[in-house]
Amino acid sequence: MRNALHLMKMPGANRELVGQARGVLERQLQYLVRMVDDLLDVSRIIRGHIELRREAVDVAVAIARAIETAQPTIDAKHHELAVAVPDQPLWWKRT
């Protein structure tokens, strides 16, 4: 991130280089935000501010939600994802 900022500050930096540096910064910032959010969640769980409930989960629903979250990245990279799930619910519960 520091290097990208340095490149953006360079006098005479061309637009393409600045655009690439901006893209790097945006991606790295997204990663940092996710990491800090995850660390804050772990801290809340450890301190007992969040109670985790264990419940049965339909695997097909969990997969659908994961795909929904990943779909923008899949589309942006022009990837194709094929998923096959059973027609009937497939329940999973950790004991």
PDB file of N, CA and C in Angstrom:
ATOM      1  N   MET A   1       0.831  -1.181   0.000  1.00  0.00           N
ATOM      2  CA  MET A   1       0.000   0.000   0.000  1.00  0.00           C
ATOM      3  C   MET A   1       0.881   1.252   0.000  1.00  0.00           C
ATOM      4  N   ARG A   2       1.937   1.189   0.769  1.00  0.00           N
ATOM      5  CA  ARG A   2       2.858   2.321   0.822  1.00  0.00           C
ATOM      6  C   ARG A   2       3.465   2.579  -0.556  1.00  0.00           C
ATOM      7  N   ASN A   3       3.862   1.517  -1.237  1.00  0.00           N
ATOM      8  CA  ASN A   3       4.445   1.675  -2.573  1.00  0.00           C
ATOM      9  C   ASN A   3       3.441   2.259  -3.553  1.00  0.00           C
ATOM     10  N   ALA A   4       2.186   1.808  -3.462  1.00  0.00           N
ATOM     11  CA  ALA A   4       1.155   2.334  -4.357  1.00  0.00           C
ATOM     12  C   ALA A   4       0.963   3.831  -4.117  1.00  0.00           C
ATOM     13  N   LEU A   5       0.912   4.231  -2.854  1.00  0.00           N
ATOM     14  CA  LEU A   5       0.786   5.661  -2.549  1.00  0.00           C
ATOM     15  C   LEU A   5       1.990   6.452  -3.067  1.00  0.00           C
ATOM     16  N   HIS A   6       3.178   5.879  -2.896  1.00  0.00           N
ATOM     17  CA  HIS A   6       4.396   6.539  -3.384  1.00  0.00           C
ATOM     18  C   HIS A   6       4.330   6.726  -4.904  1.00  0.00           C
ATOM     19  N   LEU A   7       3.896   5.694  -5.615  1.00  0.00           N
ATOM     20  CA  LEU A   7       3.778   5.801  -7.076  1.00  0.00           C
ATOM     21  C   LEU A   7       2.767   6.865  -7.467  1.00  0.00           C
ATOM     22  N   MET A   8       1.662   6.949  -6.724  1.00  0.00           N
ATOM     23  CA  MET A   8       0.632   7.928  -7.046  1.00  0.00           C
ATOM     24  C   MET A   8       1.124   9.359  -6.825  1.00  0.00           C
ATOM     25  N   LYS A   9       2.054   9.549  -5.886  1.00  0.00           N
ATOM     26  CA  LYS A   9       2.570  10.885  -5.578  1.00  0.00           C
ATOM     27  C   LYS A   9       3.690  11.322  -6.524  1.00  0.00           C
ATOM     28  N   MET A  10       4.218  10.399  -7.288  1.00  0.00           N
ATOM     29  CA  MET A  10       5.340  10.732  -8.173  1.00  0.00           C
ATOM     30  C   MET A  10       4.919  11.770  -9.204  1.00  0.00           C
ATOM     31  N   PRO A  11       5.738  12.813  -9.370  1.00  0.00           N
ATOM     32  CA  PRO A  11       5.416  13.797 -10.406  1.00  0.00           C
ATOM     33  C   PRO A  11       5.486  13.139 -11.788  1.00  0.00           C
ATOM     34  N   GLY A  12       4.506  13.424 -12.590  1.00  0.00           N
ATOM     35  CA  GLY A  12       4.500  12.900 -13.945  1.00  0.00           C
ATOM     36  C   GLY A  12       4.067  11.455 -14.057  1.00  0.00           C
ATOM     37  N   ALA A  13       3.519  10.872 -12.995  1.00  0.00           N
ATOM     38  CA  ALA A  13       3.034   9.485 -13.072  1.00  0.00           C
ATOM     39  C   ALA A  13       1.882   9.428 -14.078  1.00  0.00           C
ATOM     40  N   ASN A  14       1.961   8.457 -14.982  1.00  0.00           N
ATOM     41  CA  ASN A  14       0.910   8.390 -16.004  1.00  0.00           C
ATOM     42  C   ASN A  14      -0.390   7.837 -15.409  1.00  0.00           C
ATOM     43  N   ARG A  15      -1.475   8.108 -16.098  1.00  0.00           N
ATOM     44  CA  ARG A  15      -2.812   7.731 -15.593  1.00  0.00           C
ATOM     45  C   ARG A  15      -2.953   6.225 -15.406  1.00  0.00           C
ATOM     46  N   GLU A  16      -2.349   5.459 -16.304  1.00  0.00           N
ATOM     47  CA  GLU A  16      -2.455   3.995 -16.201  1.00  0.00           C
ATOM     48  C   GLU A  16      -1.799   3.504 -14.912  1.00  0.00           C
ATOM     49  N   LEU A  17      -0.627   4.024 -14.621  1.00  0.00           N
ATOM     50  CA  LEU A  17       0.093   3.641 -13.403  1.00  0.00           C
ATOM     51  C   LEU A  17      -0.688   4.045 -12.159  1.00  0.00           C
ATOM     52  N   VAL A  18      -1.229   5.254 -12.171  1.00  0.00           N
ATOM     53  CA  VAL A  18      -2.030   5.726 -11.041  1.00  0.00           C
ATOM     54  C   VAL A  18      -3.281   4.863 -10.888  1.00  0.00           C
ATOM     55  N   GLY A  19      -3.904   4.482 -11.989  1.00  0.00           N
ATOM     56  CA  GLY A  19      -5.085   3.619 -11.939  1.00  0.00           C
ATOM     57  C   GLY A  19      -4.767   2.253 -11.361  1.00  0.00           C
ATOM     58  N   GLN A  20      -3.640   1.687 -11.747  1.00  0.00           N
ATOM     59  CA  GLN A  20      -3.231   0.393 -11.203  1.00  0.00           C
ATOM     60  C   GLN A  20      -2.943   0.506  -9.709  1.00  0.00           C
ATOM     61  N   ALA A  21      -2.274   1.583  -9.320  1.00  0.00           N
ATOM     62  CA  ALA A  21      -1.967   1.790  -7.895  1.00  0.00           C
ATOM     63  C   ALA A  21      -3.251   1.948  -7.096  1.00  0.00           C
ATOM     64  N   ARG A  22      -4.220   2.662  -7.645  1.00  0.00           N
ATOM     65  CA  ARG A  22      -5.507   2.839  -6.968  1.00  0.00           C
ATOM     66  C   ARG A  22      -6.211   1.497  -6.800  1.00  0.00           C
ATOM     67  N   GLY A  23      -6.149   0.659  -7.821  1.00  0.00           N
ATOM     68  CA  GLY A  23      -6.748  -0.667  -7.730  1.00  0.00           C
ATOM     69  C   GLY A  23      -6.105  -1.509  -6.636  1.00  0.00           C
ATOM     70  N   VAL A  24      -4.778  -1.431  -6.549  1.00  0.00           N
ATOM     71  CA  VAL A  24      -4.057  -2.150  -5.493  1.00  0.00           C
ATOM     72  C   VAL A  24      -4.523  -1.661  -4.123  1.00  0.00           C
ATOM     73  N   LEU A  25      -4.587  -0.339  -3.970  1.00  0.00           N
ATOM     74  CA  LEU A  25      -5.017   0.230  -2.690  1.00  0.00           C
ATOM     75  C   LEU A  25      -6.427  -0.206  -2.320  1.00  0.00           C
ATOM     76  N   GLU A  26      -7.335  -0.190  -3.279  1.00  0.00           N
ATOM     77  CA  GLU A  26      -8.723  -0.590  -3.003  1.00  0.00           C
ATOM     78  C   GLU A  26      -8.792  -2.046  -2.562  1.00  0.00           C
ATOM     79  N   ARG A  27      -8.088  -2.938  -3.258  1.00  0.00           N
ATOM     80  CA  ARG A  27      -8.116  -4.353  -2.885  1.00  0.00           C
ATOM     81  C   ARG A  27      -7.500  -4.577  -1.509  1.00  0.00           C
ATOM     82  N   GLN A  28      -6.358  -3.962  -1.265  1.00  0.00           N
ATOM     83  CA  GLN A  28      -5.688  -4.150   0.021  1.00  0.00           C
ATOM     84  C   GLN A  28      -6.512  -3.566   1.162  1.00  0.00           C
ATOM     85  N   LEU A  29      -7.171  -2.449   0.922  1.00  0.00           N
ATOM     86  CA  LEU A  29      -8.018  -1.860   1.951  1.00  0.00           C
ATOM     87  C   LEU A  29      -9.189  -2.784   2.283  1.00  0.00           C
ATOM     88  N   GLN A  30      -9.781  -3.415   1.264  1.00  0.00           N
ATOM     89  CA  GLN A  30     -10.864  -4.375   1.506  1.00  0.00           C
ATOM     90  C   GLN A  30     -10.375  -5.528   2.373  1.00  0.00           C
ATOM     91  N   TYR A  31      -9.185  -6.042   2.085  1.00  0.00           N
ATOM     92  CA  TYR A  31      -8.622  -7.134   2.880  1.00  0.00           C
ATOM     93  C   TYR A  31      -8.394  -6.695   4.324  1.00  0.00           C
ATOM     94  N   LEU A  32      -7.856  -5.494   4.500  1.00  0.00           N
ATOM     95  CA  LEU A  32      -7.606  -4.995   5.852  1.00  0.00           C
ATOM     96  C   LEU A  32      -8.901  -4.808   6.639  1.00  0.00           C
ATOM     97  N   VAL A  33      -9.910  -4.271   5.994  1.00  0.00           N
ATOM     98  CA  VAL A  33     -11.197  -4.074   6.663  1.00  0.00           C
ATOM     99  C   VAL A  33     -11.776  -5.416   7.100  1.00  0.00           C
ATOM    100  N   ARG A  34     -11.734  -6.409   6.228  1.00  0.00           N
ATOM    101  CA  ARG A  34     -12.239  -7.740   6.591  1.00  0.00           C
ATOM    102  C   ARG A  34     -11.451  -8.323   7.760  1.00  0.00           C
ATOM    103  N   MET A  35     -10.130  -8.178   7.711  1.00  0.00           N
ATOM    104  CA  MET A  35      -9.291  -8.735   8.760  1.00  0.00           C
ATOM    105  C   MET A  35      -9.581  -8.065  10.106  1.00  0.00           C
ATOM    106  N   VAL A  36      -9.698  -6.740  10.116  1.00  0.00           N
ATOM    107  CA  VAL A  36      -9.998  -6.031  11.362  1.00  0.00           C
ATOM    108  C   VAL A  36     -11.384  -6.419  11.873  1.00  0.00           C
ATOM    109  N   ASP A  37     -12.364  -6.514  10.981  1.00  0.00           N
ATOM    110  CA  ASP A  37     -13.701  -6.944  11.390  1.00  0.00           C
ATOM    111  C   ASP A  37     -13.661  -8.331  12.020  1.00  0.00           C
ATOM    112  N   ASP A  38     -12.927  -9.246  11.396  1.00  0.00           N
ATOM    113  CA  ASP A  38     -12.810 -10.606  11.939  1.00  0.00           C
ATOM    114  C   ASP A  38     -12.136 -10.594  13.302  1.00  0.00           C
ATOM    115  N   LEU A  39     -11.076  -9.800  13.446  1.00  0.00           N
ATOM    116  CA  LEU A  39     -10.377  -9.713  14.733  1.00  0.00           C
ATOM    117  C   LEU A  39     -11.283  -9.118  15.815  1.00  0.00           C
ATOM    118  N   LEU A  40     -12.070  -8.121  15.457  1.00  0.00           N
ATOM    119  CA  LEU A  40     -13.013  -7.551  16.418  1.00  0.00           C
ATOM    120  C   LEU A  40     -14.071  -8.574  16.824  1.00  0.00           C
ATOM    121  N   ASP A  41     -14.546  -9.369  15.871  1.00  0.00           N
ATOM    122  CA  ASP A  41     -15.511 -10.423  16.189  1.00  0.00           C
ATOM    123  C   ASP A  41     -14.909 -11.446  17.143  1.00  0.00           C
ATOM    124  N   VAL A  42     -13.672 -11.859  16.884  1.00  0.00           N
ATOM    125  CA  VAL A  42     -12.996 -12.815  17.765  1.00  0.00           C
ATOM    126  C   VAL A  42     -12.877 -12.223  19.163  1.00  0.00           C
ATOM    127  N   SER A  43     -12.500 -10.963  19.252  1.00  0.00           N
ATOM    128  CA  SER A  43     -12.379 -10.298  20.549  1.00  0.00           C
ATOM    129  C   SER A  43     -13.713 -10.284  21.283  1.00  0.00           C
ATOM    130  N   ARG A  44     -14.789  -9.971  20.574  1.00  0.00           N
ATOM    131  CA  ARG A  44     -16.120  -9.947  21.192  1.00  0.00           C
ATOM    132  C   ARG A  44     -16.521 -11.331  21.687  1.00  0.00           C
ATOM    133  N   ILE A  45     -16.219 -12.343  20.908  1.00  0.00           N
ATOM    134  CA  ILE A  45     -16.553 -13.714  21.302  1.00  0.00           C
ATOM    135  C   ILE A  45     -15.766 -14.107  22.551  1.00  0.00           C
ATOM    136  N   ILE A  46     -14.466 -13.815  22.564  1.00  0.00           N
ATOM    137  CA  ILE A  46     -13.615 -14.171  23.700  1.00  0.00           C
ATOM    138  C   ILE A  46     -14.088 -13.470  24.969  1.00  0.00           C
ATOM    139  N   ARG A  47     -14.494 -12.209  24.857  1.00  0.00           N
ATOM    140  CA  ARG A  47     -14.934 -11.455  26.030  1.00  0.00           C
ATOM    141  C   ARG A  47     -16.377 -11.771  26.416  1.00  0.00           C
ATOM    142  N   GLY A  48     -17.046 -12.605  25.626  1.00  0.00           N
ATOM    143  CA  GLY A  48     -18.408 -12.997  25.961  1.00  0.00           C
ATOM    144  C   GLY A  48     -19.466 -11.998  25.539  1.00  0.00           C
ATOM    145  N   HIS A  49     -19.128 -11.061  24.673  1.00  0.00           N
ATOM    146  CA  HIS A  49     -20.104 -10.074  24.211  1.00  0.00           C
ATOM    147  C   HIS A  49     -20.971 -10.606  23.082  1.00  0.00           C
ATOM    148  N   ILE A  50     -20.533 -11.687  22.492  1.00  0.00           N
ATOM    149  CA  ILE A  50     -21.313 -12.343  21.437  1.00  0.00           C
ATOM    150  C   ILE A  50     -21.470 -13.801  21.830  1.00  0.00           C
ATOM    151  N   GLU A  51     -22.674 -14.270  21.769  1.00  0.00           N
ATOM    152  CA  GLU A  51     -22.928 -15.673  22.071  1.00  0.00           C
ATOM    153  C   GLU A  51     -23.199 -16.404  20.759  1.00  0.00           C
ATOM    154  N   LEU A  52     -22.435 -17.457  20.540  1.00  0.00           N
ATOM    155  CA  LEU A  52     -22.629 -18.243  19.327  1.00  0.00           C
ATOM    156  C   LEU A  52     -23.706 -19.292  19.583  1.00  0.00           C
ATOM    157  N   ARG A  53     -24.661 -19.372  18.670  1.00  0.00           N
ATOM    158  CA  ARG A  53     -25.710 -20.382  18.765  1.00  0.00           C
ATOM    159  C   ARG A  53     -25.429 -21.476  17.751  1.00  0.00           C
ATOM    160  N   ARG A  54     -25.432 -22.673  18.223  1.00  0.00           N
ATOM    161  CA  ARG A  54     -25.261 -23.803  17.311  1.00  0.00           C
ATOM    162  C   ARG A  54     -26.625 -24.271  16.858  1.00  0.00           C
ATOM    163  N   GLU A  55     -26.797 -24.345  15.553  1.00  0.00           N
ATOM    164  CA  GLU A  55     -28.066 -24.802  15.002  1.00  0.00           C
ATOM    165  C   GLU A  55     -27.804 -25.542  13.709  1.00  0.00           C
ATOM    166  N   ALA A  56     -28.756 -26.354  13.349  1.00  0.00           N
ATOM    167  CA  ALA A  56     -28.646 -27.117  12.102  1.00  0.00           C
ATOM    168  C   ALA A  56     -28.697 -26.151  10.922  1.00  0.00           C
ATOM    169  N   VAL A  57     -27.915 -26.456   9.903  1.00  0.00           N
ATOM    170  CA  VAL A  57     -27.831 -25.601   8.718  1.00  0.00           C
ATOM    171  C   VAL A  57     -28.067 -26.457   7.480  1.00  0.00           C
ATOM    172  N   ASP A  58     -28.894 -25.951   6.586  1.00  0.00           N
ATOM    173  CA  ASP A  58     -29.084 -26.609   5.295  1.00  0.00           C
ATOM    174  C   ASP A  58     -27.867 -26.259   4.442  1.00  0.00           C
ATOM    175  N   VAL A  59     -27.097 -27.263   4.074  1.00  0.00           N
ATOM    176  CA  VAL A  59     -25.855 -27.048   3.338  1.00  0.00           C
ATOM    177  C   VAL A  59     -26.111 -26.310   2.020  1.00  0.00           C
ATOM    178  N   ALA A  60     -27.200 -26.619   1.340  1.00  0.00           N
ATOM    179  CA  ALA A  60     -27.506 -25.947   0.067  1.00  0.00           C
ATOM    180  C   ALA A  60     -27.714 -24.451   0.276  1.00  0.00           C
ATOM    181  N   VAL A  61     -28.350 -24.064   1.375  1.00  0.00           N
ATOM    182  CA  VAL A  61     -28.560 -22.642   1.676  1.00  0.00           C
ATOM    183  C   VAL A  61     -27.225 -21.969   1.980  1.00  0.00           C
ATOM    184  N   ALA A  62     -26.371 -22.647   2.746  1.00  0.00           N
ATOM    185  CA  ALA A  62     -25.051 -22.093   3.059  1.00  0.00           C
ATOM    186  C   ALA A  62     -24.231 -21.906   1.792  1.00  0.00           C
ATOM    187  N   ILE A  63     -24.289 -22.871   0.898  1.00  0.00           N
ATOM    188  CA  ILE A  63     -23.561 -22.770  -0.368  1.00  0.00           C
ATOM    189  C   ILE A  63     -24.104 -21.611  -1.199  1.00  0.00           C
ATOM    190  N   ALA A  64     -25.421 -21.470  -1.252  1.00  0.00           N
ATOM    191  CA  ALA A  64     -26.035 -20.381  -2.019  1.00  0.00           C
ATOM    192  C   ALA A  64     -25.597 -19.021  -1.476  1.00  0.00           C
ATOM    193  N   ARG A  65     -25.525 -18.888  -0.163  1.00  0.00           N
ATOM    194  CA  ARG A  65     -25.098 -17.617   0.433  1.00  0.00           C
ATOM    195  C   ARG A  65     -23.623 -17.343   0.134  1.00  0.00           C
ATOM    196  N   ALA A  66     -22.803 -18.377   0.175  1.00  0.00           N
ATOM    197  CA  ALA A  66     -21.379 -18.207  -0.128  1.00  0.00           C
ATOM    198  C   ALA A  66     -21.194 -17.787  -1.582  1.00  0.00           C
ATOM    199  N   ILE A  67     -21.958 -18.382  -2.477  1.00  0.00           N
ATOM    200  CA  ILE A  67     -21.872 -18.018  -3.897  1.00  0.00           C
ATOM    201  C   ILE A  67     -22.328 -16.580  -4.100  1.00  0.00           C
ATOM    202  N   GLU A  68     -23.394 -16.189  -3.407  1.00  0.00           N
ATOM    203  CA  GLU A  68     -23.891 -14.817  -3.511  1.00  0.00           C
ATOM    204  C   GLU A  68     -22.816 -13.818  -3.079  1.00  0.00           C
ATOM    205  N   THR A  69     -22.090 -14.159  -2.033  1.00  0.00           N
ATOM    206  CA  THR A  69     -21.022 -13.290  -1.557  1.00  0.00           C
ATOM    207  C   THR A  69     -19.869 -13.222  -2.550  1.00  0.00           C
ATOM    208  N   ALA A  70     -19.528 -14.356  -3.140  1.00  0.00           N
ATOM    209  CA  ALA A  70     -18.377 -14.427  -4.048  1.00  0.00           C
ATOM    210  C   ALA A  70     -18.713 -14.027  -5.487  1.00  0.00           C
ATOM    211  N   GLN A  71     -19.986 -13.930  -5.831  1.00  0.00           N
ATOM    212  CA  GLN A  71     -20.387 -13.709  -7.224  1.00  0.00           C
ATOM    213  C   GLN A  71     -19.771 -12.472  -7.864  1.00  0.00           C
ATOM    214  N   PRO A  72     -19.700 -11.334  -7.177  1.00  0.00           N
ATOM    215  CA  PRO A  72     -19.060 -10.169  -7.825  1.00  0.00           C
ATOM    216  C   PRO A  72     -17.606 -10.437  -8.224  1.00  0.00           C
ATOM    217  N   THR A  73     -16.869 -11.142  -7.392  1.00  0.00           N
ATOM    218  CA  THR A  73     -15.479 -11.466  -7.721  1.00  0.00           C
ATOM    219  C   THR A  73     -15.424 -12.459  -8.873  1.00  0.00           C
ATOM    220  N   ILE A  74     -16.291 -13.439  -8.849  1.00  0.00           N
ATOM    221  CA  ILE A  74     -16.355 -14.432  -9.933  1.00  0.00           C
ATOM    222  C   ILE A  74     -16.636 -13.727 -11.261  1.00  0.00           C
ATOM    223  N   ASP A  75     -17.622 -12.826 -11.249  1.00  0.00           N
ATOM    224  CA  ASP A  75     -17.983 -12.089 -12.466  1.00  0.00           C
ATOM    225  C   ASP A  75     -16.846 -11.184 -12.930  1.00  0.00           C
ATOM    226  N   ALA A  76     -16.219 -10.485 -11.981  1.00  0.00           N
ATOM    227  CA  ALA A  76     -15.146  -9.547 -12.336  1.00  0.00           C
ATOM    228  C   ALA A  76     -13.967 -10.255 -12.987  1.00  0.00           C
ATOM    229  N   LYS A  77     -13.698 -11.480 -12.572  1.00  0.00           N
ATOM    230  CA  LYS A  77     -12.573 -12.245 -13.111  1.00  0.00           C
ATOM    231  C   LYS A  77     -12.979 -13.102 -14.314  1.00  0.00           C
ATOM    232  N   HIS A  78     -14.255 -12.993 -14.693  1.00  0.00           N
ATOM    233  CA  HIS A  78     -14.799 -13.759 -15.821  1.00  0.00           C
ATOM    234  C   HIS A  78     -14.621 -15.260 -15.611  1.00  0.00           C
ATOM    235  N   HIS A  79     -14.802 -15.689 -14.364  1.00  0.00           N
ATOM    236  CA  HIS A  79     -14.745 -17.121 -14.042  1.00  0.00           C
ATOM    237  C   HIS A  79     -16.132 -17.713 -14.140  1.00  0.00           C
ATOM    238  N   GLU A  80     -16.170 -19.012 -14.210  1.00  0.00           N
ATOM    239  CA  GLU A  80     -17.441 -19.725 -14.244  1.00  0.00           C
ATOM    240  C   GLU A  80     -17.454 -20.703 -13.080  1.00  0.00           C
ATOM    241  N   LEU A  81     -18.550 -20.723 -12.345  1.00  0.00           N
ATOM    242  CA  LEU A  81     -18.681 -21.612 -11.196  1.00  0.00           C
ATOM    243  C   LEU A  81     -19.880 -22.519 -11.425  1.00  0.00           C
ATOM    244  N   ALA A  82     -19.650 -23.814 -11.358  1.00  0.00           N
ATOM    245  CA  ALA A  82     -20.731 -24.786 -11.496  1.00  0.00           C
ATOM    246  C   ALA A  82     -20.893 -25.503 -10.157  1.00  0.00           C
ATOM    247  N   VAL A  83     -22.123 -25.530  -9.670  1.00  0.00           N
ATOM    248  CA  VAL A  83     -22.412 -26.145  -8.373  1.00  0.00           C
ATOM    249  C   VAL A  83     -23.596 -27.081  -8.535  1.00  0.00           C
ATOM    250  N   ALA A  84     -23.478 -28.240  -7.929  1.00  0.00           N
ATOM    251  CA  ALA A  84     -24.588 -29.201  -7.918  1.00  0.00           C
ATOM    252  C   ALA A  84     -24.912 -29.538  -6.471  1.00  0.00           C
ATOM    253  N   VAL A  85     -26.129 -29.258  -6.077  1.00  0.00           N
ATOM    254  CA  VAL A  85     -26.576 -29.588  -4.725  1.00  0.00           C
ATOM    255  C   VAL A  85     -27.819 -30.472  -4.835  1.00  0.00           C
ATOM    256  N   PRO A  86     -28.066 -31.308  -3.846  1.00  0.00           N
ATOM    257  CA  PRO A  86     -29.237 -32.183  -3.901  1.00  0.00           C
ATOM    258  C   PRO A  86     -30.533 -31.383  -3.828  1.00  0.00           C
ATOM    259  N   ASP A  87     -31.595 -31.945  -4.372  1.00  0.00           N
ATOM    260  CA  ASP A  87     -32.903 -31.281  -4.347  1.00  0.00           C
ATOM    261  C   ASP A  87     -33.478 -31.201  -2.933  1.00  0.00           C
ATOM    262  N   GLN A  88     -33.260 -32.239  -2.148  1.00  0.00           N
ATOM    263  CA  GLN A  88     -33.772 -32.249  -0.785  1.00  0.00           C
ATOM    264  C   GLN A  88     -32.748 -31.610   0.157  1.00  0.00           C
ATOM    265  N   PRO A  89     -33.216 -31.040   1.266  1.00  0.00           N
ATOM    266  CA  PRO A  89     -32.281 -30.400   2.211  1.00  0.00           C
ATOM    267  C   PRO A  89     -31.255 -31.392   2.752  1.00  0.00           C
ATOM    268  N   LEU A  90     -30.064 -30.911   2.922  1.00  0.00           N
ATOM    269  CA  LEU A  90     -28.988 -31.702   3.517  1.00  0.00           C
ATOM    270  C   LEU A  90     -28.556 -30.936   4.761  1.00  0.00           C
ATOM    271  N   TRP A  91     -28.961 -31.435   5.936  1.00  0.00           N
ATOM    272  CA  TRP A  91     -28.738 -30.741   7.183  1.00  0.00           C
ATOM    273  C   TRP A  91     -27.415 -31.134   7.805  1.00  0.00           C
ATOM    274  N   TRP A  92     -26.734 -30.141   8.372  1.00  0.00           N
ATOM    275  CA  TRP A  92     -25.469 -30.383   9.064  1.00  0.00           C
ATOM    276  C   TRP A  92     -25.520 -29.646  10.386  1.00  0.00           C
ATOM    277  N   LYS A  93     -25.115 -30.354  11.438  1.00  0.00           N
ATOM    278  CA  LYS A  93     -25.061 -29.719  12.758  1.00  0.00           C
ATOM    279  C   LYS A  93     -23.832 -30.246  13.482  1.00  0.00           C
ATOM    280  N   ARG A  94     -23.030 -29.315  13.929  1.00  0.00           N
ATOM    281  CA  ARG A  94     -21.852 -29.674  14.704  1.00  0.00           C
ATOM    282  C   ARG A  94     -22.297 -29.885  16.144  1.00  0.00           C
ATOM    283  N   THR A  95     -21.836 -30.936  16.713  1.00  0.00           N
ATOM    284  CA  THR A  95     -22.221 -31.216  18.107  1.00  0.00           C
ATOM    285  C   THR A  95     -21.190 -30.772  19.093  1.00  0.00           C
TER     286      THR A  95
END
